[in-house]
Amino acid sequence: MTKKAVPLTIPVAAASRMLGISPASGYRAIQAGDFPTPARRINGRYVVATRPLLDFLGLDEVPAELLNDNHAAGKTAA
């Protein structure tokens, strides 16, 4: 069975939904240095590294409903 590609990064809003918090809380946690996984600002927007987030949550992949979100589109790794 082929392993699904996982996006390298996801938007803060999607990562926040996975954690059960609001996007505003996610941004505040990032700015305070309290977000549980790496997040970086790139060209004025924050993105969250997907693999550490999945590991933190004990998941193998990002829930499909978040990947289908127009804001969750990103690069993928094979």
Protein backbone atom coordinates (compact mmCIF):
# COMPACT_ATOMS: atom_id res chain seq x y z
CA MET A 1 0.00 0.00 0.00
CA THR A 2 1.37 3.43 -0.96
CA LYS A 3 1.80 6.00 1.76
CA LYS A 4 -0.16 9.21 1.18
CA ALA A 5 1.75 12.41 0.58
CA VAL A 6 1.73 14.75 3.56
CA PRO A 7 1.89 18.52 3.04
CA LEU A 8 5.18 19.91 4.30
CA THR A 9 3.37 22.81 5.95
CA ILE A 10 -0.20 23.79 6.70
CA PRO A 11 -1.75 27.15 7.55
CA VAL A 12 -2.13 28.15 11.18
CA ALA A 13 -5.93 28.01 10.85
CA ALA A 14 -5.82 24.32 9.84
CA ALA A 15 -3.26 23.45 12.52
CA SER A 16 -5.35 25.26 15.12
CA ARG A 17 -8.46 23.32 14.10
CA MET A 18 -6.50 20.09 14.52
CA LEU A 19 -5.56 21.19 18.04
CA GLY A 20 -9.13 22.19 18.88
CA ILE A 21 -8.36 25.89 19.28
CA SER A 22 -9.37 28.95 17.30
CA PRO A 23 -7.04 30.38 14.67
CA ALA A 24 -6.71 33.53 16.80
CA SER A 25 -5.55 31.41 19.73
CA GLY A 26 -3.12 29.62 17.42
CA TYR A 27 -1.59 32.91 16.26
CA ARG A 28 -1.34 34.17 19.85
CA ALA A 29 0.37 30.93 20.93
CA ILE A 30 2.88 31.20 18.06
CA GLN A 31 3.68 34.82 18.89
CA ALA A 32 4.08 33.94 22.58
CA GLY A 33 6.31 30.97 21.74
CA ASP A 34 3.72 28.56 23.21
CA PHE A 35 2.61 26.70 20.07
CA PRO A 36 3.42 23.01 20.57
CA THR A 37 5.17 22.54 17.21
CA PRO A 38 7.42 24.61 14.90
CA ALA A 39 5.79 27.49 13.07
CA ARG A 40 7.56 29.93 10.79
CA ARG A 41 6.69 33.24 9.20
CA ILE A 42 7.27 33.19 5.46
CA ASN A 43 6.53 36.26 3.33
CA GLY A 44 4.26 37.68 6.00
CA ARG A 45 2.24 34.56 6.78
CA TYR A 46 2.75 31.83 9.32
CA VAL A 47 2.85 28.15 8.42
CA VAL A 48 3.13 25.13 10.69
CA ALA A 49 5.41 22.17 9.99
CA THR A 50 3.04 19.27 9.41
CA ARG A 51 5.06 16.22 10.50
CA PRO A 52 5.83 17.52 14.03
CA LEU A 53 2.16 18.47 14.45
CA LEU A 54 1.02 15.01 13.37
CA ASP A 55 3.56 13.42 15.73
CA PHE A 56 2.36 15.63 18.59
CA LEU A 57 -1.24 14.55 17.95
CA GLY A 58 -0.37 10.90 17.30
CA LEU A 59 -1.77 11.00 13.77
CA ASP A 60 -0.41 9.62 10.49
CA GLU A 61 -2.01 12.16 8.16
CA VAL A 62 -3.84 15.45 8.07
CA PRO A 63 -7.62 14.94 8.16
CA ALA A 64 -8.97 15.03 4.60
CA GLU A 65 -11.47 17.80 5.34
CA LEU A 66 -8.56 20.11 6.17
CA LEU A 67 -6.68 19.22 3.01
CA ASN A 68 -9.74 19.99 0.89
CA ASP A 69 -9.90 23.48 2.42
CA ASN A 70 -8.72 26.05 -0.14
CA HIS A 71 -6.53 27.62 2.56
CA ALA A 72 -4.81 24.33 3.38
CA ALA A 73 -3.29 23.77 -0.05
CA GLY A 74 0.46 23.50 0.03
CA LYS A 75 3.47 21.58 -1.18
CA THR A 76 3.57 17.86 -0.53
CA ALA A 77 6.33 15.39 0.17
CA ALA A 78 6.24 11.93 -1.36
